């Protein structure tokens, strides 16, 4: 092992390195804050990210109602006579 003076010198060197790294972290945190601020300004002007191209799939629209021409009143339907067909025995 080294002497007490060597250990103290090594400890001071590590403390200096820690201080330098902490200053670098503070600088980078400030840069991150500035970039976030600029990003917020950009997004407030241009809005959220929009797709370059149209949607990949376009869904077709269908009509679920019966056609208007085929509507009859209940009384018309009850008066209509249908042909009767006899069933063949099984």
PDB file of N, CA and C in Angstrom:
ATOM      1  N   UNK A   1       0.828  -1.181   0.000  1.00  0.00           N
ATOM      2  CA  UNK A   1       0.000   0.000   0.000  1.00  0.00           C
ATOM      3  C   UNK A   1       0.874   1.247   0.000  1.00  0.00           C
ATOM      4  N   UNK A   2       0.279   2.326  -0.516  1.00  0.00           N
ATOM      5  CA  UNK A   2       1.007   3.585  -0.554  1.00  0.00           C
ATOM      6  C   UNK A   2       0.943   4.300   0.776  1.00  0.00           C
ATOM      7  N   UNK A   3       1.681   5.329   0.845  1.00  0.00           N
ATOM      8  CA  UNK A   3       1.691   6.114   2.067  1.00  0.00           C
ATOM      9  C   UNK A   3       0.413   6.941   2.167  1.00  0.00           C
ATOM     10  N   UNK A   4       0.246   7.549   3.301  1.00  0.00           N
ATOM     11  CA  UNK A   4      -0.934   8.376   3.550  1.00  0.00           C
ATOM     12  C   UNK A   4      -0.991   9.531   2.568  1.00  0.00           C
ATOM     13  N   UNK A   5       0.143  10.115   2.252  1.00  0.00           N
ATOM     14  CA  UNK A   5       0.188  11.240   1.310  1.00  0.00           C
ATOM     15  C   UNK A   5      -0.228  10.796  -0.093  1.00  0.00           C
ATOM     16  N   UNK A   6       0.205   9.604  -0.492  1.00  0.00           N
ATOM     17  CA  UNK A   6      -0.183   9.084  -1.810  1.00  0.00           C
ATOM     18  C   UNK A   6      -1.693   8.862  -1.884  1.00  0.00           C
ATOM     19  N   UNK A   7      -2.250   8.324  -0.820  1.00  0.00           N
ATOM     20  CA  UNK A   7      -3.692   8.073  -0.791  1.00  0.00           C
ATOM     21  C   UNK A   7      -4.477   9.383  -0.812  1.00  0.00           C
ATOM     22  N   UNK A   8      -3.985  10.404  -0.090  1.00  0.00           N
ATOM     23  CA  UNK A   8      -4.658  11.701  -0.087  1.00  0.00           C
ATOM     24  C   UNK A   8      -4.589  12.350  -1.466  1.00  0.00           C
ATOM     25  N   UNK A   9      -3.431  12.203  -2.124  1.00  0.00           N
ATOM     26  CA  UNK A   9      -3.279  12.759  -3.471  1.00  0.00           C
ATOM     27  C   UNK A   9      -4.238  12.059  -4.434  1.00  0.00           C
ATOM     28  N   UNK A  10      -4.319  10.743  -4.322  1.00  0.00           N
ATOM     29  CA  UNK A  10      -5.231   9.971  -5.172  1.00  0.00           C
ATOM     30  C   UNK A  10      -6.687  10.368  -4.911  1.00  0.00           C
ATOM     31  N   UNK A  11      -7.003  10.588  -3.638  1.00  0.00           N
ATOM     32  CA  UNK A  11      -8.360  11.002  -3.270  1.00  0.00           C
ATOM     33  C   UNK A  11      -8.685  12.375  -3.846  1.00  0.00           C
ATOM     34  N   UNK A  12      -7.727  13.331  -3.793  1.00  0.00           N
ATOM     35  CA  UNK A  12      -7.941  14.661  -4.380  1.00  0.00           C
ATOM     36  C   UNK A  12      -8.150  14.573  -5.891  1.00  0.00           C
ATOM     37  N   UNK A  13      -7.382  13.708  -6.548  1.00  0.00           N
ATOM     38  CA  UNK A  13      -7.523  13.543  -7.998  1.00  0.00           C
ATOM     39  C   UNK A  13      -8.921  13.013  -8.346  1.00  0.00           C
ATOM     40  N   UNK A  14      -9.381  12.059  -7.565  1.00  0.00           N
ATOM     41  CA  UNK A  14     -10.721  11.509  -7.822  1.00  0.00           C
ATOM     42  C   UNK A  14     -11.798  12.550  -7.539  1.00  0.00           C
ATOM     43  N   UNK A  15     -11.612  13.342  -6.483  1.00  0.00           N
ATOM     44  CA  UNK A  15     -12.573  14.410  -6.182  1.00  0.00           C
ATOM     45  C   UNK A  15     -12.613  15.438  -7.311  1.00  0.00           C
ATOM     46  N   UNK A  16     -11.431  15.778  -7.850  1.00  0.00           N
ATOM     47  CA  UNK A  16     -11.372  16.721  -8.975  1.00  0.00           C
ATOM     48  C   UNK A  16     -12.100  16.152 -10.195  1.00  0.00           C
ATOM     49  N   UNK A  17     -11.865  14.885 -10.447  1.00  0.00           N
ATOM     50  CA  UNK A  17     -12.525  14.245 -11.591  1.00  0.00           C
ATOM     51  C   UNK A  17     -14.042  14.220 -11.389  1.00  0.00           C
ATOM     52  N   UNK A  18     -14.490  13.952 -10.172  1.00  0.00           N
ATOM     53  CA  UNK A  18     -15.932  13.947  -9.870  1.00  0.00           C
ATOM     54  C   UNK A  18     -16.520  15.328 -10.110  1.00  0.00           C
ATOM     55  N   UNK A  19     -15.808  16.405  -9.651  1.00  0.00           N
ATOM     56  CA  UNK A  19     -16.298  17.765  -9.865  1.00  0.00           C
ATOM     57  C   UNK A  19     -16.404  18.087 -11.354  1.00  0.00           C
ATOM     58  N   UNK A  20     -15.393  17.691 -12.126  1.00  0.00           N
ATOM     59  CA  UNK A  20     -15.422  17.933 -13.572  1.00  0.00           C
ATOM     60  C   UNK A  20     -16.607  17.214 -14.224  1.00  0.00           C
ATOM     61  N   UNK A  21     -16.827  15.981 -13.830  1.00  0.00           N
ATOM     62  CA  UNK A  21     -17.943  15.218 -14.409  1.00  0.00           C
ATOM     63  C   UNK A  21     -19.293  15.816 -14.005  1.00  0.00           C
ATOM     64  N   UNK A  22     -19.390  16.306 -12.760  1.00  0.00           N
ATOM     65  CA  UNK A  22     -20.634  16.942 -12.331  1.00  0.00           C
ATOM     66  C   UNK A  22     -20.893  18.218 -13.122  1.00  0.00           C
ATOM     67  N   UNK A  23     -19.841  19.002 -13.391  1.00  0.00           N
ATOM     68  CA  UNK A  23     -20.002  20.209 -14.208  1.00  0.00           C
ATOM     69  C   UNK A  23     -20.440  19.846 -15.626  1.00  0.00           C
ATOM     70  N   UNK A  24     -19.871  18.781 -16.157  1.00  0.00           N
ATOM     71  CA  UNK A  24     -20.258  18.330 -17.497  1.00  0.00           C
ATOM     72  C   UNK A  24     -21.725  17.890 -17.516  1.00  0.00           C
ATOM     73  N   UNK A  25     -22.162  17.214 -16.464  1.00  0.00           N
ATOM     74  CA  UNK A  25     -23.571  16.798 -16.369  1.00  0.00           C
ATOM     75  C   UNK A  25     -24.478  18.017 -16.317  1.00  0.00           C
ATOM     76  N   UNK A  26     -24.111  19.024 -15.513  1.00  0.00           N
ATOM     77  CA  UNK A  26     -24.916  20.244 -15.427  1.00  0.00           C
ATOM     78  C   UNK A  26     -25.006  20.935 -16.783  1.00  0.00           C
ATOM     79  N   UNK A  27     -23.876  20.995 -17.487  1.00  0.00           N
ATOM     80  CA  UNK A  27     -23.861  21.613 -18.819  1.00  0.00           C
ATOM     81  C   UNK A  27     -24.788  20.843 -19.768  1.00  0.00           C
ATOM     82  N   UNK A  28     -24.703  19.529 -19.757  1.00  0.00           N
ATOM     83  CA  UNK A  28     -25.538  18.720 -20.658  1.00  0.00           C
ATOM     84  C   UNK A  28     -27.013  18.805 -20.281  1.00  0.00           C
ATOM     85  N   UNK A  29     -27.317  18.883 -18.982  1.00  0.00           N
ATOM     86  CA  UNK A  29     -28.713  19.054 -18.562  1.00  0.00           C
ATOM     87  C   UNK A  29     -29.267  20.388 -19.049  1.00  0.00           C
ATOM     88  N   UNK A  30     -28.438  21.440 -18.993  1.00  0.00           N
ATOM     89  CA  UNK A  30     -28.863  22.736 -19.525  1.00  0.00           C
ATOM     90  C   UNK A  30     -29.125  22.664 -21.018  1.00  0.00           C
ATOM     91  N   UNK A  31     -28.256  21.963 -21.738  1.00  0.00           N
ATOM     92  CA  UNK A  31     -28.433  21.790 -23.179  1.00  0.00           C
ATOM     93  C   UNK A  31     -29.717  21.012 -23.481  1.00  0.00           C
ATOM     94  N   UNK A  32     -29.989  19.985 -22.683  1.00  0.00           N
ATOM     95  CA  UNK A  32     -31.220  19.203 -22.872  1.00  0.00           C
ATOM     96  C   UNK A  32     -32.440  20.088 -22.661  1.00  0.00           C
ATOM     97  N   UNK A  33     -32.428  20.909 -21.622  1.00  0.00           N
ATOM     98  CA  UNK A  33     -33.548  21.815 -21.355  1.00  0.00           C
ATOM     99  C   UNK A  33     -33.756  22.783 -22.516  1.00  0.00           C
ATOM    100  N   UNK A  34     -32.659  23.322 -23.042  1.00  0.00           N
ATOM    101  CA  UNK A  34     -32.756  24.259 -24.163  1.00  0.00           C
ATOM    102  C   UNK A  34     -33.336  23.569 -25.396  1.00  0.00           C
ATOM    103  N   UNK A  35     -32.869  22.358 -25.673  1.00  0.00           N
ATOM    104  CA  UNK A  35     -33.376  21.622 -26.838  1.00  0.00           C
ATOM    105  C   UNK A  35     -34.852  21.257 -26.672  1.00  0.00           C
ATOM    106  N   UNK A  36     -35.249  20.890 -25.458  1.00  0.00           N
ATOM    107  CA  UNK A  36     -36.671  20.597 -25.210  1.00  0.00           C
ATOM    108  C   UNK A  36     -37.529  21.836 -25.427  1.00  0.00           C
ATOM    109  N   UNK A  37     -37.011  22.982 -24.984  1.00  0.00           N
ATOM    110  CA  UNK A  37     -37.739  24.233 -25.172  1.00  0.00           C
ATOM    111  C   UNK A  37     -37.906  24.537 -26.658  1.00  0.00           C
ATOM    112  N   UNK A  38     -36.834  24.363 -27.423  1.00  0.00           N
ATOM    113  CA  UNK A  38     -36.915  24.594 -28.867  1.00  0.00           C
ATOM    114  C   UNK A  38     -37.870  23.611 -29.532  1.00  0.00           C
ATOM    115  N   UNK A  39     -37.857  22.364 -29.076  1.00  0.00           N
ATOM    116  CA  UNK A  39     -38.764  21.359 -29.630  1.00  0.00           C
ATOM    117  C   UNK A  39     -40.219  21.729 -29.343  1.00  0.00           C
ATOM    118  N   UNK A  40     -40.497  22.193 -28.122  1.00  0.00           N
ATOM    119  CA  UNK A  40     -41.857  22.617 -27.785  1.00  0.00           C
ATOM    120  C   UNK A  40     -42.310  23.769 -28.676  1.00  0.00           C
ATOM    121  N   UNK A  41     -41.421  24.729 -28.919  1.00  0.00           N
ATOM    122  CA  UNK A  41     -41.764  25.846 -29.804  1.00  0.00           C
ATOM    123  C   UNK A  41     -42.052  25.348 -31.213  1.00  0.00           C
ATOM    124  N   UNK A  42     -41.219  24.456 -31.705  1.00  0.00           N
ATOM    125  CA  UNK A  42     -41.396  23.896 -33.051  1.00  0.00           C
ATOM    126  C   UNK A  42     -42.732  23.163 -33.155  1.00  0.00           C
ATOM    127  N   UNK A  43     -43.030  22.333 -32.153  1.00  0.00           N
ATOM    128  CA  UNK A  43     -44.275  21.563 -32.193  1.00  0.00           C
ATOM    129  C   UNK A  43     -45.496  22.462 -32.052  1.00  0.00           C
ATOM    130  N   UNK A  44     -45.368  23.579 -31.344  1.00  0.00           N
ATOM    131  CA  UNK A  44     -46.514  24.474 -31.212  1.00  0.00           C
ATOM    132  C   UNK A  44     -46.814  25.174 -32.532  1.00  0.00           C
ATOM    133  N   UNK A  45     -45.798  25.372 -33.358  1.00  0.00           N
ATOM    134  CA  UNK A  45     -45.990  26.024 -34.656  1.00  0.00           C
ATOM    135  C   UNK A  45     -46.455  25.028 -35.707  1.00  0.00           C
ATOM    136  N   UNK A  46     -45.804  23.884 -35.774  1.00  0.00           N
ATOM    137  CA  UNK A  46     -46.084  22.925 -36.836  1.00  0.00           C
ATOM    138  C   UNK A  46     -47.049  21.820 -36.437  1.00  0.00           C
ATOM    139  N   UNK A  47     -47.438  21.731 -35.210  1.00  0.00           N
ATOM    140  CA  UNK A  47     -48.379  20.712 -34.782  1.00  0.00           C
ATOM    141  C   UNK A  47     -47.702  19.364 -34.624  1.00  0.00           C
ATOM    142  N   UNK A  48     -48.502  18.368 -34.238  1.00  0.00           N
ATOM    143  CA  UNK A  48     -47.930  17.039 -34.041  1.00  0.00           C
ATOM    144  C   UNK A  48     -47.486  16.427 -35.363  1.00  0.00           C
ATOM    145  N   UNK A  49     -46.690  15.416 -35.260  1.00  0.00           N
ATOM    146  CA  UNK A  49     -46.160  14.749 -36.449  1.00  0.00           C
ATOM    147  C   UNK A  49     -47.311  14.212 -37.288  1.00  0.00           C
ATOM    148  N   UNK A  50     -47.297  14.548 -38.563  1.00  0.00           N
ATOM    149  CA  UNK A  50     -48.336  14.057 -39.460  1.00  0.00           C
ATOM    150  C   UNK A  50     -47.704  13.113 -40.469  1.00  0.00           C
ATOM    151  N   UNK A  51     -48.464  12.134 -40.932  1.00  0.00           N
ATOM    152  CA  UNK A  51     -47.886  11.192 -41.887  1.00  0.00           C
ATOM    153  C   UNK A  51     -47.587  11.865 -43.220  1.00  0.00           C
ATOM    154  N   UNK A  52     -46.502  11.443 -43.864  1.00  0.00           N
ATOM    155  CA  UNK A  52     -46.130  11.994 -45.162  1.00  0.00           C
ATOM    156  C   UNK A  52     -47.139  11.603 -46.223  1.00  0.00           C
ATOM    157  N   UNK A  53     -47.521  10.379 -46.162  1.00  0.00           N
ATOM    158  CA  UNK A  53     -48.405   9.845 -47.177  1.00  0.00           C
ATOM    159  C   UNK A  53     -49.779   9.598 -46.568  1.00  0.00           C
ATOM    160  N   UNK A  54     -50.744   9.293 -47.425  1.00  0.00           N
ATOM    161  CA  UNK A  54     -52.091   9.009 -46.956  1.00  0.00           C
ATOM    162  C   UNK A  54     -52.128   7.704 -46.181  1.00  0.00           C
ATOM    163  N   UNK A  55     -53.271   7.384 -45.659  1.00  0.00           N
ATOM    164  CA  UNK A  55     -53.377   6.138 -44.896  1.00  0.00           C
ATOM    165  C   UNK A  55     -53.086   4.934 -45.792  1.00  0.00           C
ATOM    166  N   UNK A  56     -52.538   3.888 -45.190  1.00  0.00           N
ATOM    167  CA  UNK A  56     -52.180   2.708 -45.966  1.00  0.00           C
ATOM    168  C   UNK A  56     -53.417   2.011 -46.514  1.00  0.00           C
ATOM    169  N   UNK A  57     -54.505   2.066 -45.778  1.00  0.00           N
ATOM    170  CA  UNK A  57     -55.730   1.401 -46.208  1.00  0.00           C
ATOM    171  C   UNK A  57     -56.881   2.375 -46.108  1.00  0.00           C
ATOM    172  N   UNK A  58     -57.719   2.375 -47.097  1.00  0.00           N
ATOM    173  CA  UNK A  58     -58.930   3.173 -46.998  1.00  0.00           C
ATOM    174  C   UNK A  58     -60.094   2.206 -46.897  1.00  0.00           C
ATOM    175  N   UNK A  59     -60.904   2.407 -45.909  1.00  0.00           N
ATOM    176  CA  UNK A  59     -62.040   1.518 -45.716  1.00  0.00           C
ATOM    177  C   UNK A  59     -63.198   1.972 -46.588  1.00  0.00           C
ATOM    178  N   UNK A  60     -63.881   0.991 -47.144  1.00  0.00           N
ATOM    179  CA  UNK A  60     -65.051   1.296 -47.965  1.00  0.00           C
ATOM    180  C   UNK A  60     -66.242   1.555 -47.054  1.00  0.00           C
ATOM    181  N   UNK A  61     -67.120   2.429 -47.504  1.00  0.00           N
ATOM    182  CA  UNK A  61     -68.317   2.701 -46.731  1.00  0.00           C
ATOM    183  C   UNK A  61     -69.455   1.889 -47.318  1.00  0.00           C
ATOM    184  N   UNK A  62     -70.173   1.229 -46.462  1.00  0.00           N
ATOM    185  CA  UNK A  62     -71.291   0.415 -46.914  1.00  0.00           C
ATOM    186  C   UNK A  62     -72.603   0.998 -46.442  1.00  0.00           C
ATOM    187  N   UNK A  63     -73.658   0.596 -47.091  1.00  0.00           N
ATOM    188  CA  UNK A  63     -74.996   1.037 -46.712  1.00  0.00           C
ATOM    189  C   UNK A  63     -75.694  -0.154 -46.087  1.00  0.00           C
ATOM    190  N   UNK A  64     -76.184   0.030 -44.869  1.00  0.00           N
ATOM    191  CA  UNK A  64     -76.780  -1.095 -44.173  1.00  0.00           C
ATOM    192  C   UNK A  64     -78.306  -1.095 -44.253  1.00  0.00           C
ATOM    193  N   UNK A  65     -78.914  -0.080 -44.799  1.00  0.00           N
ATOM    194  CA  UNK A  65     -80.373  -0.011 -44.864  1.00  0.00           C
ATOM    195  C   UNK A  65     -80.880  -0.648 -46.158  1.00  0.00           C
ATOM    196  N   UNK A  66     -82.138  -1.060 -46.130  1.00  0.00           N
ATOM    197  CA  UNK A  66     -82.744  -1.617 -47.340  1.00  0.00           C
ATOM    198  C   UNK A  66     -83.032  -0.482 -48.320  1.00  0.00           C
ATOM    199  N   UNK A  67     -83.103  -0.797 -49.608  1.00  0.00           N
ATOM    200  CA  UNK A  67     -83.393   0.247 -50.593  1.00  0.00           C
ATOM    201  C   UNK A  67     -84.772   0.871 -50.360  1.00  0.00           C
ATOM    202  N   UNK A  68     -84.901   2.138 -50.681  1.00  0.00           N
ATOM    203  CA  UNK A  68     -86.150   2.864 -50.474  1.00  0.00           C
ATOM    204  C   UNK A  68     -87.275   2.341 -51.359  1.00  0.00           C
ATOM    205  N   UNK A  69     -86.968   1.899 -52.574  1.00  0.00           N
ATOM    206  CA  UNK A  69     -88.005   1.483 -53.515  1.00  0.00           C
ATOM    207  C   UNK A  69     -88.691   0.195 -53.068  1.00  0.00           C
ATOM    208  N   UNK A  70     -88.039  -0.617 -52.289  1.00  0.00           N
ATOM    209  CA  UNK A  70     -88.606  -1.912 -51.910  1.00  0.00           C
ATOM    210  C   UNK A  70     -89.511  -1.813 -50.686  1.00  0.00           C
ATOM    211  N   UNK A  71     -89.647  -0.645 -50.115  1.00  0.00           N
ATOM    212  CA  UNK A  71     -90.481  -0.524 -48.922  1.00  0.00           C
ATOM    213  C   UNK A  71     -91.957  -0.592 -49.291  1.00  0.00           C
ATOM    214  N   UNK A  72     -92.675  -1.407 -48.575  1.00  0.00           N
ATOM    215  CA  UNK A  72     -94.130  -1.520 -48.742  1.00  0.00           C
ATOM    216  C   UNK A  72     -94.764  -1.433 -47.371  1.00  0.00           C
ATOM    217  N   UNK A  73     -96.007  -1.095 -47.367  1.00  0.00           N
ATOM    218  CA  UNK A  73     -96.709  -1.045 -46.095  1.00  0.00           C
ATOM    219  C   UNK A  73     -97.068  -2.460 -45.671  1.00  0.00           C
ATOM    220  N   UNK A  74     -97.374  -2.621 -44.417  1.00  0.00           N
ATOM    221  CA  UNK A  74     -97.730  -3.939 -43.890  1.00  0.00           C
ATOM    222  C   UNK A  74     -98.998  -4.447 -44.551  1.00  0.00           C
ATOM    223  N   UNK A  75     -99.955  -3.565 -44.803  1.00  0.00           N
ATOM    224  CA  UNK A  75    -101.213  -4.003 -45.419  1.00  0.00           C
ATOM    225  C   UNK A  75    -100.981  -4.516 -46.842  1.00  0.00           C
ATOM    226  N   UNK A  76    -100.077  -3.898 -47.589  1.00  0.00           N
ATOM    227  CA  UNK A  76     -99.773  -4.391 -48.935  1.00  0.00           C
ATOM    228  C   UNK A  76     -99.148  -5.776 -48.876  1.00  0.00           C
ATOM    229  N   UNK A  77     -98.293  -5.997 -47.914  1.00  0.00           N
ATOM    230  CA  UNK A  77     -97.628  -7.295 -47.795  1.00  0.00           C
ATOM    231  C   UNK A  77     -98.601  -8.390 -47.370  1.00  0.00           C
ATOM    232  N   UNK A  78     -99.585  -8.057 -46.544  1.00  0.00           N
ATOM    233  CA  UNK A  78    -100.543  -9.084 -46.109  1.00  0.00           C
ATOM    234  C   UNK A  78    -101.525  -9.425 -47.211  1.00  0.00           C
ATOM    235  N   UNK A  79    -101.784  -8.542 -48.131  1.00  0.00           N
ATOM    236  CA  UNK A  79    -102.711  -8.817 -49.231  1.00  0.00           C
ATOM    237  C   UNK A  79    -102.056  -9.618 -50.350  1.00  0.00           C
ATOM    238  N   UNK A  80    -100.770  -9.609 -50.396  1.00  0.00           N
ATOM    239  CA  UNK A  80    -100.088 -10.307 -51.482  1.00  0.00           C
ATOM    240  C   UNK A  80    -100.231 -11.816 -51.291  1.00  0.00           C
ATOM    241  N   UNK A  81    -100.588 -12.521 -52.361  1.00  0.00           N
ATOM    242  CA  UNK A  81    -100.753 -13.971 -52.329  1.00  0.00           C
ATOM    243  C   UNK A  81     -99.514 -14.621 -52.922  1.00  0.00           C
ATOM    244  N   UNK A  82     -99.052 -15.628 -52.268  1.00  0.00           N
ATOM    245  CA  UNK A  82     -97.898 -16.375 -52.747  1.00  0.00           C
ATOM    246  C   UNK A  82     -98.351 -17.749 -53.216  1.00  0.00           C
ATOM    247  N   UNK A  83     -97.679 -18.261 -54.198  1.00  0.00           N
ATOM    248  CA  UNK A  83     -98.017 -19.591 -54.697  1.00  0.00           C
ATOM    249  C   UNK A  83     -97.636 -20.623 -53.661  1.00  0.00           C
ATOM    250  N   UNK A  84     -98.421 -21.693 -53.628  1.00  0.00           N
ATOM    251  CA  UNK A  84     -98.126 -22.772 -52.696  1.00  0.00           C
ATOM    252  C   UNK A  84     -97.465 -23.897 -53.466  1.00  0.00           C
ATOM    253  N   UNK A  85     -96.480 -24.458 -52.900  1.00  0.00           N
ATOM    254  CA  UNK A  85     -95.776 -25.587 -53.489  1.00  0.00           C
ATOM    255  C   UNK A  85     -95.926 -26.765 -52.536  1.00  0.00           C
ATOM    256  N   UNK A  86     -96.245 -27.895 -53.092  1.00  0.00           N
ATOM    257  CA  UNK A  86     -96.389 -29.076 -52.240  1.00  0.00           C
ATOM    258  C   UNK A  86     -95.013 -29.669 -51.972  1.00  0.00           C
ATOM    259  N   UNK A  87     -94.880 -30.202 -50.799  1.00  0.00           N
ATOM    260  CA  UNK A  87     -93.612 -30.796 -50.417  1.00  0.00           C
ATOM    261  C   UNK A  87     -93.600 -32.254 -50.837  1.00  0.00           C
ATOM    262  N   UNK A  88     -92.480 -32.710 -51.273  1.00  0.00           N
ATOM    263  CA  UNK A  88     -92.392 -34.122 -51.622  1.00  0.00           C
ATOM    264  C   UNK A  88     -92.154 -34.925 -50.351  1.00  0.00           C
ATOM    265  N   UNK A  89     -92.774 -36.097 -50.259  1.00  0.00           N
ATOM    266  CA  UNK A  89     -92.578 -36.921 -49.053  1.00  0.00           C
ATOM    267  C   UNK A  89     -91.132 -37.434 -49.000  1.00  0.00           C
ATOM    268  N   UNK A  90     -90.648 -37.587 -47.858  1.00  0.00           N
ATOM    269  CA  UNK A  90     -89.257 -38.049 -47.700  1.00  0.00           C
ATOM    270  C   UNK A  90     -89.154 -39.522 -47.551  1.00  0.00           C
TER     271      UNK A  90
END
